[in-house]
Amino acid sequence: MSLAPIVSPAARPQALSPAGSATTIILAIAAFVIVTTEFLMVGLLPALARDLSLSVATTGQLVTLFAVVVMLFGPPLTAWLGMSSASACS
């Protein structure tokens, strides 16, 4: 009598297909670019504040406000536009 656990084929880990690893690489690059642009803005904050004739704190709050608006409206807008472009193509 064997005491080895019975594992269903669906529970076994699958090897990544080439398409799956390409998708993961593209997602990692996109995340890197997005985070880099956010940190770039922090480095340019004093120059941006000087050009807008605002304090650095106020300019930082404006950048934060922009990030919050993108965070809140980016995903729903992307989903909505994805549905509308799919229906326009059909």
C-alpha atoms as a PDB file:
ATOM      1  CA  MET A   1       0.000   0.000   0.000  1.00  0.00           C
ATOM      2  CA  SER A   2       1.417   3.364  -1.054  1.00  0.00           C
ATOM      3  CA  LEU A   3       1.224   6.438   1.148  1.00  0.00           C
ATOM      4  CA  ALA A   4       1.979   8.870  -1.684  1.00  0.00           C
ATOM      5  CA  PRO A   5      -0.681  11.585  -2.054  1.00  0.00           C
ATOM      6  CA  ILE A   6      -2.912  11.463  -5.093  1.00  0.00           C
ATOM      7  CA  VAL A   7      -2.405  14.582  -7.181  1.00  0.00           C
ATOM      8  CA  SER A   8      -4.776  15.406  -9.979  1.00  0.00           C
ATOM      9  CA  PRO A   9      -3.252  16.471 -13.329  1.00  0.00           C
ATOM     10  CA  ALA A  10      -4.837  19.910 -12.951  1.00  0.00           C
ATOM     11  CA  ALA A  11      -2.982  20.489  -9.658  1.00  0.00           C
ATOM     12  CA  ARG A  12       0.445  19.776 -11.143  1.00  0.00           C
ATOM     13  CA  PRO A  13       2.528  22.827 -12.010  1.00  0.00           C
ATOM     14  CA  GLN A  14       2.715  23.528 -15.719  1.00  0.00           C
ATOM     15  CA  ALA A  15       5.765  24.810 -17.551  1.00  0.00           C
ATOM     16  CA  LEU A  16       5.410  28.335 -18.904  1.00  0.00           C
ATOM     17  CA  SER A  17       4.747  28.500 -22.583  1.00  0.00           C
ATOM     18  CA  PRO A  18       6.857  30.910 -24.666  1.00  0.00           C
ATOM     19  CA  ALA A  19       3.825  33.186 -25.000  1.00  0.00           C
ATOM     20  CA  GLY A  20       3.373  33.205 -21.217  1.00  0.00           C
ATOM     21  CA  SER A  21       6.972  34.156 -20.532  1.00  0.00           C
ATOM     22  CA  ALA A  22       6.856  36.870 -23.223  1.00  0.00           C
ATOM     23  CA  THR A  23       3.760  38.296 -21.550  1.00  0.00           C
ATOM     24  CA  THR A  24       5.501  38.268 -18.164  1.00  0.00           C
ATOM     25  CA  ILE A  25       8.551  40.049 -19.607  1.00  0.00           C
ATOM     26  CA  ILE A  26       6.395  42.706 -21.275  1.00  0.00           C
ATOM     27  CA  LEU A  27       4.471  43.249 -18.032  1.00  0.00           C
ATOM     28  CA  ALA A  28       7.726  43.574 -16.055  1.00  0.00           C
ATOM     29  CA  ILE A  29       9.119  46.120 -18.535  1.00  0.00           C
ATOM     30  CA  ALA A  30       5.885  48.124 -18.434  1.00  0.00           C
ATOM     31  CA  ALA A  31       5.916  48.185 -14.625  1.00  0.00           C
ATOM     32  CA  PHE A  32       9.561  49.285 -14.651  1.00  0.00           C
ATOM     33  CA  VAL A  33       8.809  52.143 -17.067  1.00  0.00           C
ATOM     34  CA  ILE A  34       5.789  53.341 -15.097  1.00  0.00           C
ATOM     35  CA  VAL A  35       7.645  53.353 -11.762  1.00  0.00           C
ATOM     36  CA  THR A  36      10.672  55.023 -13.346  1.00  0.00           C
ATOM     37  CA  THR A  37       8.555  57.867 -14.718  1.00  0.00           C
ATOM     38  CA  GLU A  38       7.038  58.419 -11.275  1.00  0.00           C
ATOM     39  CA  PHE A  39      10.464  58.625  -9.636  1.00  0.00           C
ATOM     40  CA  LEU A  40      11.720  60.868 -12.441  1.00  0.00           C
ATOM     41  CA  MET A  41       9.001  63.374 -11.590  1.00  0.00           C
ATOM     42  CA  VAL A  42      10.198  63.508  -7.981  1.00  0.00           C
ATOM     43  CA  GLY A  43      13.693  64.401  -9.178  1.00  0.00           C
ATOM     44  CA  LEU A  44      12.333  67.190 -11.373  1.00  0.00           C
ATOM     45  CA  LEU A  45      10.041  68.586  -8.676  1.00  0.00           C
ATOM     46  CA  PRO A  46      12.167  71.634  -7.731  1.00  0.00           C
ATOM     47  CA  ALA A  47      12.595  72.670 -11.374  1.00  0.00           C
ATOM     48  CA  LEU A  48       8.891  72.156 -12.042  1.00  0.00           C
ATOM     49  CA  ALA A  49       7.985  74.216  -8.966  1.00  0.00           C
ATOM     50  CA  ARG A  50      10.295  76.998 -10.103  1.00  0.00           C
ATOM     51  CA  ASP A  51       8.791  77.015 -13.632  1.00  0.00           C
ATOM     52  CA  LEU A  52       5.232  77.099 -12.271  1.00  0.00           C
ATOM     53  CA  SER A  53       6.125  79.738  -9.651  1.00  0.00           C
ATOM     54  CA  LEU A  54       4.793  77.490  -6.901  1.00  0.00           C
ATOM     55  CA  SER A  55       6.314  76.037  -3.759  1.00  0.00           C
ATOM     56  CA  VAL A  56       7.842  72.582  -3.936  1.00  0.00           C
ATOM     57  CA  ALA A  57       5.206  71.312  -1.482  1.00  0.00           C
ATOM     58  CA  THR A  58       2.318  72.588  -3.625  1.00  0.00           C
ATOM     59  CA  THR A  59       3.860  71.138  -6.763  1.00  0.00           C
ATOM     60  CA  GLY A  60       4.317  67.815  -4.980  1.00  0.00           C
ATOM     61  CA  GLN A  61       0.654  67.838  -4.005  1.00  0.00           C
ATOM     62  CA  LEU A  62      -0.308  68.486  -7.639  1.00  0.00           C
ATOM     63  CA  VAL A  63       1.807  65.523  -8.750  1.00  0.00           C
ATOM     64  CA  THR A  64       0.175  63.390  -6.051  1.00  0.00           C
ATOM     65  CA  LEU A  65      -3.274  64.538  -7.176  1.00  0.00           C
ATOM     66  CA  PHE A  66      -2.412  63.529 -10.746  1.00  0.00           C
ATOM     67  CA  ALA A  67      -1.269  60.075  -9.556  1.00  0.00           C
ATOM     68  CA  VAL A  68      -4.469  59.557  -7.536  1.00  0.00           C
ATOM     69  CA  VAL A  69      -6.657  60.534 -10.505  1.00  0.00           C
ATOM     70  CA  VAL A  70      -4.760  58.105 -12.748  1.00  0.00           C
ATOM     71  CA  MET A  71      -5.084  55.376 -10.107  1.00  0.00           C
ATOM     72  CA  LEU A  72      -8.842  55.886  -9.744  1.00  0.00           C
ATOM     73  CA  PHE A  73      -9.870  56.437 -13.345  1.00  0.00           C
ATOM     74  CA  GLY A  74      -7.227  54.499 -15.300  1.00  0.00           C
ATOM     75  CA  PRO A  75      -8.577  50.953 -14.861  1.00  0.00           C
ATOM     76  CA  PRO A  76     -12.294  51.774 -15.419  1.00  0.00           C
ATOM     77  CA  LEU A  77     -11.463  53.946 -18.427  1.00  0.00           C
ATOM     78  CA  THR A  78      -9.259  51.220 -19.893  1.00  0.00           C
ATOM     79  CA  ALA A  79     -12.025  48.631 -19.457  1.00  0.00           C
ATOM     80  CA  TRP A  80     -14.640  50.953 -20.942  1.00  0.00           C
ATOM     81  CA  LEU A  81     -12.498  51.824 -23.955  1.00  0.00           C
ATOM     82  CA  GLY A  82     -11.617  48.151 -24.421  1.00  0.00           C
ATOM     83  CA  MET A  83     -15.300  47.266 -24.637  1.00  0.00           C
ATOM     84  CA  SER A  84     -16.141  50.148 -26.952  1.00  0.00           C
ATOM     85  CA  SER A  85     -13.289  49.415 -29.361  1.00  0.00           C
ATOM     86  CA  ALA A  86     -14.219  45.716 -29.421  1.00  0.00           C
ATOM     87  CA  SER A  87     -17.809  46.535 -30.313  1.00  0.00           C
ATOM     88  CA  ALA A  88     -16.669  49.040 -32.965  1.00  0.00           C
ATOM     89  CA  CYS A  89     -14.511  46.370 -34.648  1.00  0.00           C
ATOM     90  CA  SER A  90     -17.344  43.828 -34.880  1.00  0.00           C
END
